[in-house]
Amino acid sequence: MTLLLLEALAALLILIFIVWWTMFSGRKKGELPADAEREKAQMVQDQETTRAAATGDGPGQAKPDGETAPRN
């Protein structure tokens, strides 16, 4: 009977450790605020747009007057 209780206690401690590890093993200063996440997503999108325009991967190539020509 004592062995069963020790085994149950060990299982409970392992469960508590797993939950603690998954909850608190993230960023050092916690999660980013919602504003920072939106700014980061916007920055990534801007970088992708800039890269696509620079390599010609966008929907069309830019003309000198700012319009885009259809790709052939």
N, C-alpha and C. Protein backbone atom coordinates (compact mmCIF):
# COMPACT_ATOMS: atom_id res chain seq x y z
N MET A 1 0.82 -1.20 0.00
CA MET A 1 0.00 0.00 0.00
C MET A 1 0.87 1.26 0.00
N THR A 2 1.93 1.24 0.79
CA THR A 2 2.84 2.38 0.85
C THR A 2 3.50 2.61 -0.50
N LEU A 3 3.83 1.53 -1.19
CA LEU A 3 4.45 1.64 -2.50
C LEU A 3 3.51 2.31 -3.50
N LEU A 4 2.23 2.00 -3.43
CA LEU A 4 1.25 2.63 -4.32
C LEU A 4 1.13 4.13 -4.03
N LEU A 5 1.13 4.50 -2.78
CA LEU A 5 1.07 5.91 -2.42
C LEU A 5 2.31 6.67 -2.88
N LEU A 6 3.49 6.05 -2.74
CA LEU A 6 4.72 6.68 -3.21
C LEU A 6 4.71 6.85 -4.73
N GLU A 7 4.20 5.84 -5.42
CA GLU A 7 4.11 5.92 -6.87
C GLU A 7 3.13 7.01 -7.30
N ALA A 8 2.01 7.12 -6.62
CA ALA A 8 1.04 8.16 -6.94
C ALA A 8 1.63 9.55 -6.64
N LEU A 9 2.35 9.67 -5.56
CA LEU A 9 3.00 10.94 -5.23
C LEU A 9 4.04 11.31 -6.29
N ALA A 10 4.82 10.34 -6.72
CA ALA A 10 5.82 10.59 -7.75
C ALA A 10 5.15 11.03 -9.05
N ALA A 11 4.05 10.37 -9.43
CA ALA A 11 3.34 10.75 -10.65
C ALA A 11 2.78 12.16 -10.53
N LEU A 12 2.26 12.51 -9.37
CA LEU A 12 1.73 13.85 -9.14
C LEU A 12 2.84 14.90 -9.24
N LEU A 13 3.99 14.61 -8.66
CA LEU A 13 5.11 15.55 -8.73
C LEU A 13 5.60 15.72 -10.16
N ILE A 14 5.63 14.64 -10.91
CA ILE A 14 6.03 14.74 -12.32
C ILE A 14 5.02 15.58 -13.09
N LEU A 15 3.75 15.37 -12.85
CA LEU A 15 2.71 16.16 -13.51
C LEU A 15 2.85 17.64 -13.18
N ILE A 16 3.05 17.96 -11.92
CA ILE A 16 3.22 19.35 -11.50
C ILE A 16 4.45 19.96 -12.16
N PHE A 17 5.54 19.19 -12.24
CA PHE A 17 6.75 19.69 -12.88
C PHE A 17 6.51 19.97 -14.36
N ILE A 18 5.82 19.08 -15.05
CA ILE A 18 5.55 19.27 -16.48
C ILE A 18 4.70 20.52 -16.69
N VAL A 19 3.68 20.71 -15.88
CA VAL A 19 2.83 21.90 -16.01
C VAL A 19 3.64 23.15 -15.72
N TRP A 20 4.43 23.13 -14.68
CA TRP A 20 5.26 24.29 -14.34
C TRP A 20 6.23 24.61 -15.48
N TRP A 21 6.87 23.58 -16.03
CA TRP A 21 7.85 23.76 -17.10
C TRP A 21 7.20 24.39 -18.34
N THR A 22 6.01 23.92 -18.70
CA THR A 22 5.37 24.46 -19.90
C THR A 22 4.84 25.88 -19.67
N MET A 23 4.50 26.22 -18.46
CA MET A 23 3.96 27.55 -18.20
C MET A 23 5.05 28.61 -18.08
N PHE A 24 6.20 28.27 -17.52
CA PHE A 24 7.18 29.29 -17.17
C PHE A 24 8.52 29.14 -17.88
N SER A 25 8.61 28.34 -18.92
CA SER A 25 9.90 28.19 -19.60
C SER A 25 9.98 29.02 -20.87
N GLY A 26 9.11 30.02 -21.02
CA GLY A 26 9.08 30.84 -22.23
C GLY A 26 10.09 31.96 -22.20
N ARG A 27 9.66 33.14 -22.59
CA ARG A 27 10.53 34.30 -22.64
C ARG A 27 11.00 34.70 -21.24
N LYS A 28 12.18 35.30 -21.21
CA LYS A 28 12.75 35.71 -19.92
C LYS A 28 11.89 36.77 -19.22
N LYS A 29 11.31 37.69 -19.98
CA LYS A 29 10.53 38.77 -19.37
C LYS A 29 9.05 38.61 -19.67
N GLY A 30 8.60 37.40 -19.91
CA GLY A 30 7.19 37.17 -20.16
C GLY A 30 6.82 37.34 -21.62
N GLU A 31 5.56 37.26 -21.90
CA GLU A 31 5.06 37.38 -23.27
C GLU A 31 5.11 38.83 -23.73
N LEU A 32 5.21 38.99 -25.05
CA LEU A 32 5.20 40.33 -25.61
C LEU A 32 3.82 40.94 -25.48
N PRO A 33 3.73 42.25 -25.27
CA PRO A 33 2.42 42.91 -25.27
C PRO A 33 1.79 42.82 -26.66
N ALA A 34 0.50 42.96 -26.74
CA ALA A 34 -0.21 42.83 -28.01
C ALA A 34 0.27 43.87 -29.03
N ASP A 35 0.58 45.08 -28.59
CA ASP A 35 1.05 46.13 -29.51
C ASP A 35 2.38 45.73 -30.13
N ALA A 36 3.27 45.18 -29.34
CA ALA A 36 4.58 44.79 -29.86
C ALA A 36 4.45 43.66 -30.87
N GLU A 37 3.51 42.74 -30.64
CA GLU A 37 3.30 41.66 -31.59
C GLU A 37 2.78 42.20 -32.92
N ARG A 38 1.86 43.16 -32.86
CA ARG A 38 1.34 43.75 -34.10
C ARG A 38 2.44 44.50 -34.86
N GLU A 39 3.28 45.25 -34.12
CA GLU A 39 4.38 45.97 -34.75
C GLU A 39 5.37 45.00 -35.39
N LYS A 40 5.65 43.90 -34.71
CA LYS A 40 6.58 42.91 -35.25
C LYS A 40 6.00 42.28 -36.52
N ALA A 41 4.72 41.96 -36.51
CA ALA A 41 4.08 41.38 -37.70
C ALA A 41 4.10 42.38 -38.85
N GLN A 42 3.87 43.66 -38.57
CA GLN A 42 3.91 44.69 -39.60
C GLN A 42 5.32 44.83 -40.16
N MET A 43 6.33 44.76 -39.29
CA MET A 43 7.70 44.89 -39.73
C MET A 43 8.09 43.72 -40.64
N VAL A 44 7.67 42.51 -40.30
CA VAL A 44 7.95 41.34 -41.13
C VAL A 44 7.26 41.49 -42.48
N GLN A 45 6.03 41.95 -42.47
CA GLN A 45 5.30 42.14 -43.72
C GLN A 45 5.99 43.20 -44.58
N ASP A 46 6.45 44.28 -43.98
CA ASP A 46 7.15 45.33 -44.72
C ASP A 46 8.45 44.79 -45.33
N GLN A 47 9.17 43.96 -44.56
CA GLN A 47 10.42 43.39 -45.06
C GLN A 47 10.14 42.46 -46.25
N GLU A 48 9.08 41.66 -46.17
CA GLU A 48 8.74 40.77 -47.27
C GLU A 48 8.34 41.57 -48.51
N THR A 49 7.60 42.65 -48.32
CA THR A 49 7.20 43.50 -49.44
C THR A 49 8.42 44.14 -50.08
N THR A 50 9.35 44.63 -49.25
CA THR A 50 10.57 45.25 -49.76
C THR A 50 11.40 44.23 -50.53
N ARG A 51 11.53 43.03 -49.99
CA ARG A 51 12.31 41.99 -50.64
C ARG A 51 11.67 41.60 -51.97
N ALA A 52 10.35 41.47 -51.99
CA ALA A 52 9.65 41.10 -53.21
C ALA A 52 9.81 42.19 -54.28
N ALA A 53 9.77 43.44 -53.87
CA ALA A 53 9.93 44.53 -54.83
C ALA A 53 11.37 44.59 -55.35
N ALA A 54 12.33 44.32 -54.49
CA ALA A 54 13.74 44.39 -54.88
C ALA A 54 14.12 43.25 -55.83
N THR A 55 13.52 42.09 -55.64
CA THR A 55 13.88 40.93 -56.47
C THR A 55 12.94 40.75 -57.64
N GLY A 56 11.89 41.54 -57.73
CA GLY A 56 10.95 41.41 -58.83
C GLY A 56 9.97 40.28 -58.64
N ASP A 57 9.82 39.80 -57.42
CA ASP A 57 8.89 38.71 -57.13
C ASP A 57 7.47 39.19 -56.91
N GLY A 58 7.27 40.49 -56.93
CA GLY A 58 5.95 41.04 -56.65
C GLY A 58 4.99 40.81 -57.80
N PRO A 59 3.78 41.36 -57.74
CA PRO A 59 2.78 41.15 -58.77
C PRO A 59 3.14 41.80 -60.09
N GLY A 60 3.99 42.78 -60.11
CA GLY A 60 4.41 43.43 -61.34
C GLY A 60 5.66 44.24 -61.08
N GLN A 61 6.31 44.66 -62.15
CA GLN A 61 7.51 45.45 -61.99
C GLN A 61 7.13 46.93 -61.97
N ALA A 62 7.81 47.68 -61.13
CA ALA A 62 7.49 49.10 -60.97
C ALA A 62 8.01 49.91 -62.15
N LYS A 63 7.18 50.82 -62.64
CA LYS A 63 7.59 51.76 -63.68
C LYS A 63 8.14 53.01 -63.00
N PRO A 64 8.85 53.86 -63.73
CA PRO A 64 9.39 55.08 -63.12
C PRO A 64 8.29 55.99 -62.57
N ASP A 65 7.08 55.97 -63.14
CA ASP A 65 6.03 56.87 -62.66
C ASP A 65 5.26 56.28 -61.47
N GLY A 66 5.68 55.09 -60.98
CA GLY A 66 5.06 54.53 -59.79
C GLY A 66 4.00 53.49 -60.08
N GLU A 67 3.60 53.35 -61.33
CA GLU A 67 2.61 52.33 -61.67
C GLU A 67 3.31 50.99 -61.81
N THR A 68 2.53 49.93 -61.81
CA THR A 68 3.13 48.61 -62.00
C THR A 68 2.69 48.04 -63.34
N ALA A 69 3.63 47.41 -63.99
CA ALA A 69 3.35 46.78 -65.27
C ALA A 69 3.02 45.31 -65.04
N PRO A 70 2.12 44.74 -65.79
CA PRO A 70 1.82 43.32 -65.60
C PRO A 70 3.02 42.46 -65.98
N ARG A 71 3.18 41.36 -65.28
CA ARG A 71 4.28 40.46 -65.57
C ARG A 71 3.92 39.59 -66.76
N ASN A 72 4.89 39.29 -67.56
CA ASN A 72 4.67 38.43 -68.74
C ASN A 72 5.04 37.01 -68.43
